[in-house]
C-alpha atoms as a PDB file:
ATOM      1  CA  MET A   1      10.329  -8.314  12.646  1.00  0.00           C
ATOM      2  CA  SER A   2      12.438 -10.586  10.477  1.00  0.00           C
ATOM      3  CA  GLN A   3      11.952 -10.942   6.747  1.00  0.00           C
ATOM      4  CA  PRO A   4      10.361 -14.445   6.911  1.00  0.00           C
ATOM      5  CA  GLN A   5       7.777 -13.238   9.448  1.00  0.00           C
ATOM      6  CA  LEU A   6       7.018 -10.082   7.477  1.00  0.00           C
ATOM      7  CA  PHE A   7       7.017 -11.950   4.152  1.00  0.00           C
ATOM      8  CA  LYS A   8       4.353 -14.433   5.278  1.00  0.00           C
ATOM      9  CA  TYR A   9       1.701 -11.708   5.183  1.00  0.00           C
ATOM     10  CA  PHE A  10       2.395 -10.868   1.529  1.00  0.00           C
ATOM     11  CA  GLU A  11       3.291 -14.274   0.067  1.00  0.00           C
ATOM     12  CA  SER A  12      -0.301 -14.849  -1.077  1.00  0.00           C
ATOM     13  CA  ILE A  13      -0.097 -11.944  -3.562  1.00  0.00           C
ATOM     14  CA  ASP A  14       0.287 -13.245  -7.109  1.00  0.00           C
ATOM     15  CA  ASP A  15       3.166 -11.761  -9.098  1.00  0.00           C
ATOM     16  CA  PRO A  16       1.651 -10.645 -12.445  1.00  0.00           C
ATOM     17  CA  ARG A  17       5.026 -10.419 -14.209  1.00  0.00           C
ATOM     18  CA  GLN A  18       6.679 -12.894 -16.576  1.00  0.00           C
ATOM     19  CA  GLN A  19       9.083 -14.677 -14.250  1.00  0.00           C
ATOM     20  CA  GLY A  20      11.892 -14.839 -16.810  1.00  0.00           C
ATOM     21  CA  LYS A  21      12.021 -11.042 -16.945  1.00  0.00           C
ATOM     22  CA  VAL A  22      11.884 -10.317 -13.201  1.00  0.00           C
ATOM     23  CA  VAL A  23      14.838  -8.334 -11.849  1.00  0.00           C
ATOM     24  CA  HIS A  24      13.360  -7.191  -8.516  1.00  0.00           C
ATOM     25  CA  LYS A  25      11.405  -9.526  -6.249  1.00  0.00           C
ATOM     26  CA  LEU A  26       7.743  -8.660  -5.688  1.00  0.00           C
ATOM     27  CA  PHE A  27       8.179  -8.602  -1.914  1.00  0.00           C
ATOM     28  CA  ASP A  28      11.091  -6.128  -2.272  1.00  0.00           C
ATOM     29  CA  ILE A  29       8.877  -3.723  -4.234  1.00  0.00           C
ATOM     30  CA  ILE A  30       5.979  -4.120  -1.799  1.00  0.00           C
ATOM     31  CA  LEU A  31       8.231  -3.569   1.228  1.00  0.00           C
ATOM     32  CA  LEU A  32       9.780  -0.494  -0.380  1.00  0.00           C
ATOM     33  CA  THR A  33       6.399   0.953  -1.370  1.00  0.00           C
ATOM     34  CA  VAL A  34       4.663   0.348   1.961  1.00  0.00           C
ATOM     35  CA  SER A  35       7.642   1.716   3.907  1.00  0.00           C
ATOM     36  CA  ALA A  36       7.892   4.811   1.714  1.00  0.00           C
ATOM     37  CA  VAL A  37       4.180   5.612   1.698  1.00  0.00           C
ATOM     38  CA  THR A  38       3.992   5.080   5.456  1.00  0.00           C
ATOM     39  CA  SER A  39       6.854   7.578   5.769  1.00  0.00           C
ATOM     40  CA  GLY A  40       4.961  10.190   3.751  1.00  0.00           C
ATOM     41  CA  CYS A  41       6.059   9.619   0.155  1.00  0.00           C
ATOM     42  CA  GLN A  42       3.332  10.598  -2.287  1.00  0.00           C
ATOM     43  CA  ASP A  43       4.499   9.581  -5.755  1.00  0.00           C
ATOM     44  CA  TRP A  44       6.617   6.978  -7.498  1.00  0.00           C
ATOM     45  CA  GLU A  45       9.683   9.214  -7.717  1.00  0.00           C
ATOM     46  CA  ASP A  46       9.464   9.853  -3.952  1.00  0.00           C
ATOM     47  CA  ILE A  47       9.289   6.107  -3.337  1.00  0.00           C
ATOM     48  CA  GLU A  48      12.391   5.494  -5.460  1.00  0.00           C
ATOM     49  CA  GLY A  49      14.230   8.314  -3.681  1.00  0.00           C
ATOM     50  CA  PHE A  50      13.204   6.909  -0.288  1.00  0.00           C
ATOM     51  CA  GLY A  51      14.697   3.578  -1.334  1.00  0.00           C
ATOM     52  CA  HIS A  52      18.025   5.108  -2.322  1.00  0.00           C
ATOM     53  CA  ASP A  53      18.163   7.223   0.853  1.00  0.00           C
ATOM     54  CA  ARG A  54      17.309   4.319   3.168  1.00  0.00           C
ATOM     55  CA  LEU A  55      18.831   1.359   1.352  1.00  0.00           C
ATOM     56  CA  ASP A  56      20.925   0.326   4.369  1.00  0.00           C
ATOM     57  CA  TRP A  57      17.815   0.208   6.550  1.00  0.00           C
ATOM     58  CA  LEU A  58      15.774  -1.686   3.901  1.00  0.00           C
ATOM     59  CA  ARG A  59      18.574  -4.266   3.613  1.00  0.00           C
ATOM     60  CA  LYS A  60      17.958  -5.246   7.224  1.00  0.00           C
ATOM     61  CA  PHE A  61      14.811  -6.933   5.889  1.00  0.00           C
ATOM     62  CA  VAL A  62      15.680  -7.985   2.315  1.00  0.00           C
ATOM     63  CA  PRO A  63      18.972  -7.908   0.384  1.00  0.00           C
ATOM     64  CA  PHE A  64      17.874  -5.775  -2.612  1.00  0.00           C
ATOM     65  CA  LYS A  65      20.513  -7.636  -4.672  1.00  0.00           C
ATOM     66  CA  ASN A  66      19.752  -5.556  -7.760  1.00  0.00           C
ATOM     67  CA  GLY A  67      19.416  -2.273  -5.886  1.00  0.00           C
ATOM     68  CA  ILE A  68      16.354  -0.080  -5.775  1.00  0.00           C
ATOM     69  CA  PRO A  69      13.969  -0.419  -8.735  1.00  0.00           C
ATOM     70  CA  ARG A  70      13.294   2.632 -10.874  1.00  0.00           C
ATOM     71  CA  HIS A  71      10.104   4.553 -10.193  1.00  0.00           C
ATOM     72  CA  ASP A  72       8.482   3.363 -13.436  1.00  0.00           C
ATOM     73  CA  THR A  73       9.113  -0.262 -12.440  1.00  0.00           C
ATOM     74  CA  ILE A  74       7.611   0.334  -8.994  1.00  0.00           C
ATOM     75  CA  ALA A  75       4.549   1.978 -10.550  1.00  0.00           C
ATOM     76  CA  ARG A  76       4.088  -0.748 -13.153  1.00  0.00           C
ATOM     77  CA  VAL A  77       4.342  -3.600 -10.644  1.00  0.00           C
ATOM     78  CA  MET A  78       2.182  -1.995  -7.967  1.00  0.00           C
ATOM     79  CA  SER A  79      -0.522  -1.089 -10.484  1.00  0.00           C
ATOM     80  CA  ARG A  80      -0.708  -4.675 -11.738  1.00  0.00           C
ATOM     81  CA  ILE A  81      -0.989  -6.597  -8.478  1.00  0.00           C
ATOM     82  CA  ASP A  82      -4.419  -7.745  -7.359  1.00  0.00           C
ATOM     83  CA  ILE A  83      -5.611  -4.989  -5.021  1.00  0.00           C
ATOM     84  CA  ALA A  84      -7.925  -7.336  -3.089  1.00  0.00           C
ATOM     85  CA  GLN A  85      -5.014  -9.685  -2.380  1.00  0.00           C
ATOM     86  CA  PHE A  86      -2.867  -6.746  -1.288  1.00  0.00           C
ATOM     87  CA  GLN A  87      -5.609  -5.334   0.934  1.00  0.00           C
ATOM     88  CA  ASP A  88      -6.183  -8.713   2.617  1.00  0.00           C
ATOM     89  CA  SER A  89      -2.449  -9.192   3.165  1.00  0.00           C
ATOM     90  CA  PHE A  90      -1.923  -5.687   4.485  1.00  0.00           C
ATOM     91  CA  SER A  91      -4.935  -5.953   6.794  1.00  0.00           C
ATOM     92  CA  SER A  92      -3.628  -9.241   8.197  1.00  0.00           C
ATOM     93  CA  ARG A  93      -0.259  -7.619   8.875  1.00  0.00           C
ATOM     94  CA  MET A  94      -1.829  -4.588  10.554  1.00  0.00           C
ATOM     95  CA  LYS A  95      -3.944  -6.787  12.823  1.00  0.00           C
ATOM     96  CA  THR A  96      -0.730  -8.132  14.343  1.00  0.00           C
ATOM     97  CA  CYS A  97       0.465  -4.566  15.069  1.00  0.00           C
ATOM     98  CA  CYS A  98      -2.724  -3.117  16.505  1.00  0.00           C
ATOM     99  CA  LYS A  99      -4.854  -4.425  19.305  1.00  0.00           C
ATOM    100  CA  LEU A 100      -8.338  -3.016  19.814  1.00  0.00           C
ATOM    101  CA  THR A 101      -8.872  -1.953  23.392  1.00  0.00           C
ATOM    102  CA  HIS A 102     -12.188  -1.706  25.195  1.00  0.00           C
ATOM    103  CA  SER A 103     -12.388   2.083  24.998  1.00  0.00           C
ATOM    104  CA  GLU A 104     -10.718   2.650  21.642  1.00  0.00           C
ATOM    105  CA  VAL A 105     -12.376   4.961  19.141  1.00  0.00           C
ATOM    106  CA  ILE A 106     -12.788   3.749  15.575  1.00  0.00           C
ATOM    107  CA  ALA A 107     -13.484   6.619  13.195  1.00  0.00           C
ATOM    108  CA  LEU A 108     -15.313   6.347   9.872  1.00  0.00           C
ATOM    109  CA  ASP A 109     -14.584   8.960   7.261  1.00  0.00           C
ATOM    110  CA  GLY A 110     -15.992   9.366   3.782  1.00  0.00           C
ATOM    111  CA  ARG A 111     -14.827  11.803   1.161  1.00  0.00           C
ATOM    112  CA  ARG A 112     -14.532  12.527  -2.527  1.00  0.00           C
ATOM    113  CA  LEU A 113     -11.009  12.095  -3.842  1.00  0.00           C
ATOM    114  CA  LYS A 114      -9.608  15.380  -5.101  1.00  0.00           C
ATOM    115  CA  GLY A 115      -9.256  15.484  -8.864  1.00  0.00           C
ATOM    116  CA  SER A 116     -11.109  12.192  -9.368  1.00  0.00           C
ATOM    117  CA  PHE A 117     -13.676  13.683 -11.749  1.00  0.00           C
ATOM    118  CA  THR A 118     -13.700  15.380 -15.127  1.00  0.00           C
ATOM    119  CA  GLN A 119     -14.389  19.111 -15.128  1.00  0.00           C
ATOM    120  CA  ALA A 120     -17.276  18.800 -17.589  1.00  0.00           C
ATOM    121  CA  ASP A 121     -19.214  16.233 -15.535  1.00  0.00           C
ATOM    122  CA  ARG A 122     -18.518  15.991 -11.800  1.00  0.00           C
ATOM    123  CA  ARG A 123     -20.641  12.838 -11.510  1.00  0.00           C
ATOM    124  CA  ASP A 124     -17.769  10.433 -12.120  1.00  0.00           C
ATOM    125  CA  ALA A 125     -15.934  11.391  -8.904  1.00  0.00           C
ATOM    126  CA  LEU A 126     -14.534   8.601  -6.740  1.00  0.00           C
ATOM    127  CA  PHE A 127     -15.802   8.486  -3.152  1.00  0.00           C
ATOM    128  CA  MET A 128     -13.949   6.475  -0.493  1.00  0.00           C
ATOM    129  CA  VAL A 129     -14.829   5.345   3.026  1.00  0.00           C
ATOM    130  CA  ASN A 130     -11.959   4.935   5.517  1.00  0.00           C
ATOM    131  CA  VAL A 131     -11.910   3.143   8.863  1.00  0.00           C
ATOM    132  CA  PHE A 132      -9.291   4.597  11.206  1.00  0.00           C
ATOM    133  CA  THR A 133      -8.164   3.522  14.669  1.00  0.00           C
ATOM    134  CA  CYS A 134      -7.482   6.666  16.675  1.00  0.00           C
ATOM    135  CA  GLU A 135      -5.400   5.026  19.430  1.00  0.00           C
ATOM    136  CA  ASN A 136      -2.915   3.446  17.014  1.00  0.00           C
ATOM    137  CA  ALA A 137      -3.259   6.111  14.284  1.00  0.00           C
ATOM    138  CA  VAL A 138      -3.692   3.446  11.614  1.00  0.00           C
ATOM    139  CA  VAL A 139      -6.119   3.077   8.721  1.00  0.00           C
ATOM    140  CA  LEU A 140      -7.750  -0.322   9.174  1.00  0.00           C
ATOM    141  CA  GLY A 141      -9.599  -0.355   5.901  1.00  0.00           C
ATOM    142  CA  GLN A 142     -10.509   1.658   2.856  1.00  0.00           C
ATOM    143  CA  ALA A 143     -13.108   0.959   0.197  1.00  0.00           C
ATOM    144  CA  PRO A 144     -14.757   2.816  -2.679  1.00  0.00           C
ATOM    145  CA  VAL A 145     -18.422   3.726  -2.329  1.00  0.00           C
ATOM    146  CA  ASP A 146     -20.857   2.141  -4.744  1.00  0.00           C
ATOM    147  CA  LYS A 147     -21.814   4.919  -7.203  1.00  0.00           C
ATOM    148  CA  SER A 148     -25.477   3.900  -7.048  1.00  0.00           C
ATOM    149  CA  LEU A 149     -25.553   5.053  -3.401  1.00  0.00           C
ATOM    150  CA  ILE A 150     -24.447   8.601  -4.258  1.00  0.00           C
ATOM    151  CA  LYS A 151     -27.181  11.096  -5.092  1.00  0.00           C
END
């Protein structure tokens, strides 16, 4: 998929940064992060390392004129984008990759996120529900559970 086709799914995400100070394009950071996490990276340093290791491959999609951003830049930008905009964009992209077949199994999974609570009071834990397509091995959606529903 070429960069213009891939970019169209993420162009609706607002860039929260001051444009005069931007060194790395928002789409570059999103592409790097999604590619790295999909490949199994679990923290910001892993994502940066993935970028350095696979820069030639990433440049098939975008030029990365200023190289790979540092892990703190990736973390800062990704934590500031509107998560609802990102989720809508990512879901739209995934719908083009996955087609639901007549007999496909869609799994629902709910769980408490490890380490999402304080030791003194376990009531502030974060619970998530995931929707997963078994045939394509893709998470279709993920949402936090309303705390009022948890007993």
